[in-house]
């Protein structure tokens, strides 16, 4: 099966993890240019008040910084705020307490680089979801539209919070969400929404 090339993601959306579950070889772009307002440093969750975006602050970089060089900022006590937001949004879900001990350490330990932070999150989530992709960082820069490493399908612009490209492989499927009665079903949120609501059944939605 063809490999896929993905951008780094902070608790990426369900669509992102679907690729990991369906493609044996998954490359995560380490030499891509960092872009704001992407899943590289943000995730979208569902709260009692509606959708909420959690953004990891990064240190100011000049020019086109590569993902491998982007440093996480400690500005604004964001780790505490993100964990409290997750607990408020999902504390009453069936599986929050079951997975909390696996997720909480990411909001206690300080990571220097965003890429390393995201990559370790992804590895833990793959274990919790019981998916086993061959997950590797890229070793060089692959410009948009170029021949990708290992002839991988370039999905960096396909999975995007603002302007996603068409994806014939991804069809959002409804699952029970704790806030659905108030806000309706919300597709393609952070993988945490699926995990906390569905637990070990999550793999059947990927």
C-alpha atoms as a PDB file:
ATOM      1  CA  UNK A   1       0.000   0.000   0.000  1.00  0.00           C
ATOM      2  CA  UNK A   2       1.245   3.478  -0.847  1.00  0.00           C
ATOM      3  CA  UNK A   3       2.889   5.486   1.908  1.00  0.00           C
ATOM      4  CA  UNK A   4       1.380   8.802   2.994  1.00  0.00           C
ATOM      5  CA  UNK A   5       3.110  12.049   3.868  1.00  0.00           C
ATOM      6  CA  UNK A   6       1.455  14.036   6.675  1.00  0.00           C
ATOM      7  CA  UNK A   7       2.134  17.275   8.480  1.00  0.00           C
ATOM      8  CA  UNK A   8       2.887  17.093  12.173  1.00  0.00           C
ATOM      9  CA  UNK A   9      -0.246  17.393  14.324  1.00  0.00           C
ATOM     10  CA  UNK A  10      -1.094  18.248  17.937  1.00  0.00           C
ATOM     11  CA  UNK A  11      -3.708  15.666  18.995  1.00  0.00           C
ATOM     12  CA  UNK A  12      -4.616  15.544  15.321  1.00  0.00           C
ATOM     13  CA  UNK A  13      -8.142  15.201  13.927  1.00  0.00           C
ATOM     14  CA  UNK A  14      -9.850  11.873  13.285  1.00  0.00           C
ATOM     15  CA  UNK A  15      -9.086  12.174   9.555  1.00  0.00           C
ATOM     16  CA  UNK A  16      -5.339  12.365  10.347  1.00  0.00           C
ATOM     17  CA  UNK A  17      -5.441   9.224  12.472  1.00  0.00           C
ATOM     18  CA  UNK A  18      -7.533   7.431   9.877  1.00  0.00           C
ATOM     19  CA  UNK A  19      -4.524   7.690   7.569  1.00  0.00           C
ATOM     20  CA  UNK A  20      -2.321   6.115  10.217  1.00  0.00           C
ATOM     21  CA  UNK A  21      -4.767   3.240  10.618  1.00  0.00           C
ATOM     22  CA  UNK A  22      -5.131   2.539   6.888  1.00  0.00           C
ATOM     23  CA  UNK A  23      -1.612   3.046   5.559  1.00  0.00           C
ATOM     24  CA  UNK A  24       1.266   0.889   6.692  1.00  0.00           C
ATOM     25  CA  UNK A  25       3.962   3.488   6.016  1.00  0.00           C
ATOM     26  CA  UNK A  26       3.323   6.998   7.345  1.00  0.00           C
ATOM     27  CA  UNK A  27       5.839   9.796   7.067  1.00  0.00           C
ATOM     28  CA  UNK A  28       5.477  12.834   9.304  1.00  0.00           C
ATOM     29  CA  UNK A  29       7.058  15.938   7.796  1.00  0.00           C
ATOM     30  CA  UNK A  30       9.917  17.136   9.983  1.00  0.00           C
ATOM     31  CA  UNK A  31      11.385  19.536   7.439  1.00  0.00           C
ATOM     32  CA  UNK A  32       8.131  21.197   6.425  1.00  0.00           C
ATOM     33  CA  UNK A  33       7.752  24.933   6.944  1.00  0.00           C
ATOM     34  CA  UNK A  34       5.801  25.754  10.073  1.00  0.00           C
ATOM     35  CA  UNK A  35       2.458  27.439   9.371  1.00  0.00           C
ATOM     36  CA  UNK A  36       0.102  29.018  11.850  1.00  0.00           C
ATOM     37  CA  UNK A  37      -3.596  28.109  11.940  1.00  0.00           C
ATOM     38  CA  UNK A  38      -2.917  24.481  11.029  1.00  0.00           C
ATOM     39  CA  UNK A  39      -3.086  21.288  13.037  1.00  0.00           C
ATOM     40  CA  UNK A  40       0.653  21.527  13.673  1.00  0.00           C
ATOM     41  CA  UNK A  41       0.045  23.351  16.950  1.00  0.00           C
ATOM     42  CA  UNK A  42      -3.726  23.282  17.398  1.00  0.00           C
ATOM     43  CA  UNK A  43      -6.542  20.850  17.992  1.00  0.00           C
ATOM     44  CA  UNK A  44     -10.308  21.290  18.084  1.00  0.00           C
ATOM     45  CA  UNK A  45     -12.416  19.828  20.883  1.00  0.00           C
ATOM     46  CA  UNK A  46     -16.115  19.995  21.740  1.00  0.00           C
ATOM     47  CA  UNK A  47     -17.212  21.600  25.001  1.00  0.00           C
ATOM     48  CA  UNK A  48     -20.585  22.247  26.582  1.00  0.00           C
ATOM     49  CA  UNK A  49     -20.419  25.718  25.007  1.00  0.00           C
ATOM     50  CA  UNK A  50     -19.422  24.571  21.523  1.00  0.00           C
ATOM     51  CA  UNK A  51     -16.233  24.001  19.579  1.00  0.00           C
ATOM     52  CA  UNK A  52     -12.997  25.182  21.175  1.00  0.00           C
ATOM     53  CA  UNK A  53      -9.533  25.414  19.642  1.00  0.00           C
ATOM     54  CA  UNK A  54      -6.533  24.665  21.847  1.00  0.00           C
ATOM     55  CA  UNK A  55      -3.331  26.221  20.528  1.00  0.00           C
ATOM     56  CA  UNK A  56       0.206  25.450  21.637  1.00  0.00           C
ATOM     57  CA  UNK A  57       2.143  28.750  21.753  1.00  0.00           C
ATOM     58  CA  UNK A  58       5.483  28.742  19.964  1.00  0.00           C
ATOM     59  CA  UNK A  59       8.456  31.043  20.198  1.00  0.00           C
ATOM     60  CA  UNK A  60       8.685  33.726  17.546  1.00  0.00           C
ATOM     61  CA  UNK A  61      10.583  32.598  14.490  1.00  0.00           C
ATOM     62  CA  UNK A  62      11.906  34.746  11.674  1.00  0.00           C
ATOM     63  CA  UNK A  63      11.241  33.719   8.097  1.00  0.00           C
ATOM     64  CA  UNK A  64      10.222  30.214   7.077  1.00  0.00           C
ATOM     65  CA  UNK A  65      11.107  28.063  10.078  1.00  0.00           C
ATOM     66  CA  UNK A  66      11.236  24.301   9.671  1.00  0.00           C
ATOM     67  CA  UNK A  67       9.088  22.178  11.958  1.00  0.00           C
ATOM     68  CA  UNK A  68      12.146  20.556  13.515  1.00  0.00           C
ATOM     69  CA  UNK A  69      13.327  23.986  14.727  1.00  0.00           C
ATOM     70  CA  UNK A  70      10.078  25.351  16.177  1.00  0.00           C
ATOM     71  CA  UNK A  71      10.299  25.702  19.947  1.00  0.00           C
ATOM     72  CA  UNK A  72       7.360  25.569  22.334  1.00  0.00           C
ATOM     73  CA  UNK A  73       6.784  28.680  24.409  1.00  0.00           C
ATOM     74  CA  UNK A  74       5.887  28.599  28.095  1.00  0.00           C
ATOM     75  CA  UNK A  75       3.805  31.736  27.672  1.00  0.00           C
ATOM     76  CA  UNK A  76       0.404  31.875  29.360  1.00  0.00           C
ATOM     77  CA  UNK A  77       0.506  28.672  31.428  1.00  0.00           C
ATOM     78  CA  UNK A  78      -1.002  26.924  28.411  1.00  0.00           C
ATOM     79  CA  UNK A  79      -0.399  23.356  29.639  1.00  0.00           C
ATOM     80  CA  UNK A  80      -2.575  23.930  32.677  1.00  0.00           C
ATOM     81  CA  UNK A  81      -5.230  25.647  30.580  1.00  0.00           C
ATOM     82  CA  UNK A  82      -5.320  22.900  27.953  1.00  0.00           C
ATOM     83  CA  UNK A  83      -5.632  20.110  30.504  1.00  0.00           C
ATOM     84  CA  UNK A  84      -8.388  21.947  32.380  1.00  0.00           C
ATOM     85  CA  UNK A  85     -10.221  22.499  29.094  1.00  0.00           C
ATOM     86  CA  UNK A  86     -10.025  18.785  28.279  1.00  0.00           C
ATOM     87  CA  UNK A  87     -11.174  17.827  31.744  1.00  0.00           C
ATOM     88  CA  UNK A  88     -14.105  20.267  31.589  1.00  0.00           C
ATOM     89  CA  UNK A  89     -15.103  19.096  28.107  1.00  0.00           C
ATOM     90  CA  UNK A  90     -14.706  15.345  28.585  1.00  0.00           C
ATOM     91  CA  UNK A  91     -14.566  14.654  32.307  1.00  0.00           C
ATOM     92  CA  UNK A  92     -18.046  13.113  32.216  1.00  0.00           C
ATOM     93  CA  UNK A  93     -17.427  10.948  29.140  1.00  0.00           C
ATOM     94  CA  UNK A  94     -17.326   7.180  29.609  1.00  0.00           C
ATOM     95  CA  UNK A  95     -13.579   6.849  29.005  1.00  0.00           C
ATOM     96  CA  UNK A  96     -11.939  10.051  30.261  1.00  0.00           C
ATOM     97  CA  UNK A  97     -10.796   8.532  33.549  1.00  0.00           C
ATOM     98  CA  UNK A  98      -9.584   5.414  31.747  1.00  0.00           C
ATOM     99  CA  UNK A  99      -7.205   7.372  29.493  1.00  0.00           C
ATOM    100  CA  UNK A 100      -6.392  10.371  31.704  1.00  0.00           C
ATOM    101  CA  UNK A 101      -3.200   8.851  33.104  1.00  0.00           C
ATOM    102  CA  UNK A 102      -1.882   8.346  29.564  1.00  0.00           C
ATOM    103  CA  UNK A 103      -2.722  11.863  28.361  1.00  0.00           C
ATOM    104  CA  UNK A 104      -2.053  14.024  31.415  1.00  0.00           C
ATOM    105  CA  UNK A 105       1.781  13.587  31.388  1.00  0.00           C
ATOM    106  CA  UNK A 106       1.955  15.582  28.147  1.00  0.00           C
ATOM    107  CA  UNK A 107       0.704  18.590  30.113  1.00  0.00           C
ATOM    108  CA  UNK A 108       3.170  18.107  32.959  1.00  0.00           C
ATOM    109  CA  UNK A 109       6.454  17.541  31.159  1.00  0.00           C
ATOM    110  CA  UNK A 110       8.084  20.399  29.279  1.00  0.00           C
ATOM    111  CA  UNK A 111       9.156  19.705  25.721  1.00  0.00           C
ATOM    112  CA  UNK A 112      11.535  22.023  23.895  1.00  0.00           C
ATOM    113  CA  UNK A 113      10.466  21.349  20.310  1.00  0.00           C
ATOM    114  CA  UNK A 114       6.946  21.148  18.899  1.00  0.00           C
ATOM    115  CA  UNK A 115       7.790  18.320  16.506  1.00  0.00           C
ATOM    116  CA  UNK A 116       9.131  16.067  19.255  1.00  0.00           C
ATOM    117  CA  UNK A 117       6.099  16.847  21.409  1.00  0.00           C
ATOM    118  CA  UNK A 118       3.652  15.994  18.632  1.00  0.00           C
ATOM    119  CA  UNK A 119       5.517  12.858  17.603  1.00  0.00           C
ATOM    120  CA  UNK A 120       5.487  11.400  21.116  1.00  0.00           C
ATOM    121  CA  UNK A 121       1.784  12.226  21.477  1.00  0.00           C
ATOM    122  CA  UNK A 122       1.113  10.396  18.221  1.00  0.00           C
ATOM    123  CA  UNK A 123       3.029   7.316  19.325  1.00  0.00           C
ATOM    124  CA  UNK A 124       1.069   7.075  22.574  1.00  0.00           C
ATOM    125  CA  UNK A 125      -2.258   7.611  20.835  1.00  0.00           C
ATOM    126  CA  UNK A 126      -1.486   4.896  18.292  1.00  0.00           C
ATOM    127  CA  UNK A 127      -0.958   2.492  21.191  1.00  0.00           C
ATOM    128  CA  UNK A 128      -4.216   3.542  22.855  1.00  0.00           C
ATOM    129  CA  UNK A 129      -6.099   3.180  19.561  1.00  0.00           C
ATOM    130  CA  UNK A 130      -4.458  -0.173  18.845  1.00  0.00           C
ATOM    131  CA  UNK A 131      -3.154   0.896  15.439  1.00  0.00           C
ATOM    132  CA  UNK A 132       0.363   0.075  14.349  1.00  0.00           C
ATOM    133  CA  UNK A 133       1.634   2.237  11.494  1.00  0.00           C
ATOM    134  CA  UNK A 134       5.275   2.322  10.471  1.00  0.00           C
ATOM    135  CA  UNK A 135       5.623   5.923  11.617  1.00  0.00           C
ATOM    136  CA  UNK A 136       8.771   7.792  10.591  1.00  0.00           C
ATOM    137  CA  UNK A 137       9.971  11.407  10.466  1.00  0.00           C
ATOM    138  CA  UNK A 138      11.084  12.575   7.045  1.00  0.00           C
ATOM    139  CA  UNK A 139      14.817  13.014   6.514  1.00  0.00           C
ATOM    140  CA  UNK A 140      14.731  15.917   4.073  1.00  0.00           C
ATOM    141  CA  UNK A 141      12.480  18.657   2.774  1.00  0.00           C
ATOM    142  CA  UNK A 142       9.837  17.736   0.196  1.00  0.00           C
ATOM    143  CA  UNK A 143       8.430  20.828  -1.566  1.00  0.00           C
ATOM    144  CA  UNK A 144       4.711  20.889  -2.253  1.00  0.00           C
ATOM    145  CA  UNK A 145       3.943  19.101  -5.489  1.00  0.00           C
ATOM    146  CA  UNK A 146       7.323  17.386  -5.679  1.00  0.00           C
ATOM    147  CA  UNK A 147       8.063  13.684  -5.723  1.00  0.00           C
ATOM    148  CA  UNK A 148       7.665  12.658  -2.105  1.00  0.00           C
ATOM    149  CA  UNK A 149       9.923  10.278  -0.182  1.00  0.00           C
ATOM    150  CA  UNK A 150       9.124   6.626  -0.898  1.00  0.00           C
ATOM    151  CA  UNK A 151       6.642   7.883  -3.525  1.00  0.00           C
ATOM    152  CA  UNK A 152       4.298   8.802  -0.678  1.00  0.00           C
ATOM    153  CA  UNK A 153       0.932  10.440  -1.296  1.00  0.00           C
ATOM    154  CA  UNK A 154       1.287  14.033  -0.117  1.00  0.00           C
ATOM    155  CA  UNK A 155      -1.619  14.773   2.246  1.00  0.00           C
ATOM    156  CA  UNK A 156      -0.169  17.824   3.946  1.00  0.00           C
ATOM    157  CA  UNK A 157      -2.718  20.166   2.386  1.00  0.00           C
ATOM    158  CA  UNK A 158      -5.559  17.627   2.373  1.00  0.00           C
ATOM    159  CA  UNK A 159      -5.915  17.605   6.160  1.00  0.00           C
ATOM    160  CA  UNK A 160      -6.279  21.272   7.062  1.00  0.00           C
ATOM    161  CA  UNK A 161      -8.562  23.074   9.554  1.00  0.00           C
ATOM    162  CA  UNK A 162      -9.327  26.010   7.248  1.00  0.00           C
ATOM    163  CA  UNK A 163      -9.054  24.947   3.607  1.00  0.00           C
ATOM    164  CA  UNK A 164      -8.926  21.142   3.340  1.00  0.00           C
ATOM    165  CA  UNK A 165      -8.556  19.517  -0.056  1.00  0.00           C
ATOM    166  CA  UNK A 166     -10.960  16.757  -1.171  1.00  0.00           C
ATOM    167  CA  UNK A 167     -10.316  13.375   0.423  1.00  0.00           C
ATOM    168  CA  UNK A 168     -12.165  10.462  -1.173  1.00  0.00           C
ATOM    169  CA  UNK A 169     -10.943   8.115   1.538  1.00  0.00           C
ATOM    170  CA  UNK A 170     -12.423  10.036   4.457  1.00  0.00           C
ATOM    171  CA  UNK A 171     -16.140   9.958   5.193  1.00  0.00           C
ATOM    172  CA  UNK A 172     -17.032  11.262   8.673  1.00  0.00           C
ATOM    173  CA  UNK A 173     -19.121   8.711  10.543  1.00  0.00           C
ATOM    174  CA  UNK A 174     -21.398   9.563  13.429  1.00  0.00           C
ATOM    175  CA  UNK A 175     -20.569   8.278  16.886  1.00  0.00           C
ATOM    176  CA  UNK A 176     -21.995   9.166  20.293  1.00  0.00           C
ATOM    177  CA  UNK A 177     -20.675  12.489  21.604  1.00  0.00           C
ATOM    178  CA  UNK A 178     -21.376  13.774  25.083  1.00  0.00           C
ATOM    179  CA  UNK A 179     -22.399  17.228  23.824  1.00  0.00           C
ATOM    180  CA  UNK A 180     -24.313  16.063  20.747  1.00  0.00           C
ATOM    181  CA  UNK A 181     -27.774  16.696  22.159  1.00  0.00           C
ATOM    182  CA  UNK A 182     -26.927  20.354  22.653  1.00  0.00           C
ATOM    183  CA  UNK A 183     -24.794  21.071  19.587  1.00  0.00           C
ATOM    184  CA  UNK A 184     -25.460  18.241  17.153  1.00  0.00           C
ATOM    185  CA  UNK A 185     -22.868  15.786  15.912  1.00  0.00           C
ATOM    186  CA  UNK A 186     -19.520  17.460  15.204  1.00  0.00           C
ATOM    187  CA  UNK A 187     -17.323  15.611  12.664  1.00  0.00           C
ATOM    188  CA  UNK A 188     -13.542  15.377  12.507  1.00  0.00           C
ATOM    189  CA  UNK A 189     -12.678  16.821  15.900  1.00  0.00           C
ATOM    190  CA  UNK A 190      -9.454  15.954  17.688  1.00  0.00           C
ATOM    191  CA  UNK A 191      -8.878  12.229  18.067  1.00  0.00           C
ATOM    192  CA  UNK A 192      -9.341  12.825  21.804  1.00  0.00           C
ATOM    193  CA  UNK A 193     -13.047  13.430  21.229  1.00  0.00           C
ATOM    194  CA  UNK A 194     -13.403   9.984  19.679  1.00  0.00           C
ATOM    195  CA  UNK A 195     -11.189   8.302  22.266  1.00  0.00           C
ATOM    196  CA  UNK A 196     -12.891   9.778  25.338  1.00  0.00           C
ATOM    197  CA  UNK A 197     -16.374   9.105  23.963  1.00  0.00           C
ATOM    198  CA  UNK A 198     -15.831   5.681  22.412  1.00  0.00           C
ATOM    199  CA  UNK A 199     -12.830   4.141  24.146  1.00  0.00           C
ATOM    200  CA  UNK A 200     -11.592   0.868  22.664  1.00  0.00           C
ATOM    201  CA  UNK A 201     -14.372   1.026  20.054  1.00  0.00           C
ATOM    202  CA  UNK A 202     -12.572   3.992  18.448  1.00  0.00           C
ATOM    203  CA  UNK A 203     -10.640   1.797  16.063  1.00  0.00           C
ATOM    204  CA  UNK A 204     -13.885   0.805  14.310  1.00  0.00           C
ATOM    205  CA  UNK A 205     -14.484   4.451  13.350  1.00  0.00           C
ATOM    206  CA  UNK A 206     -11.102   4.915  11.690  1.00  0.00           C
END
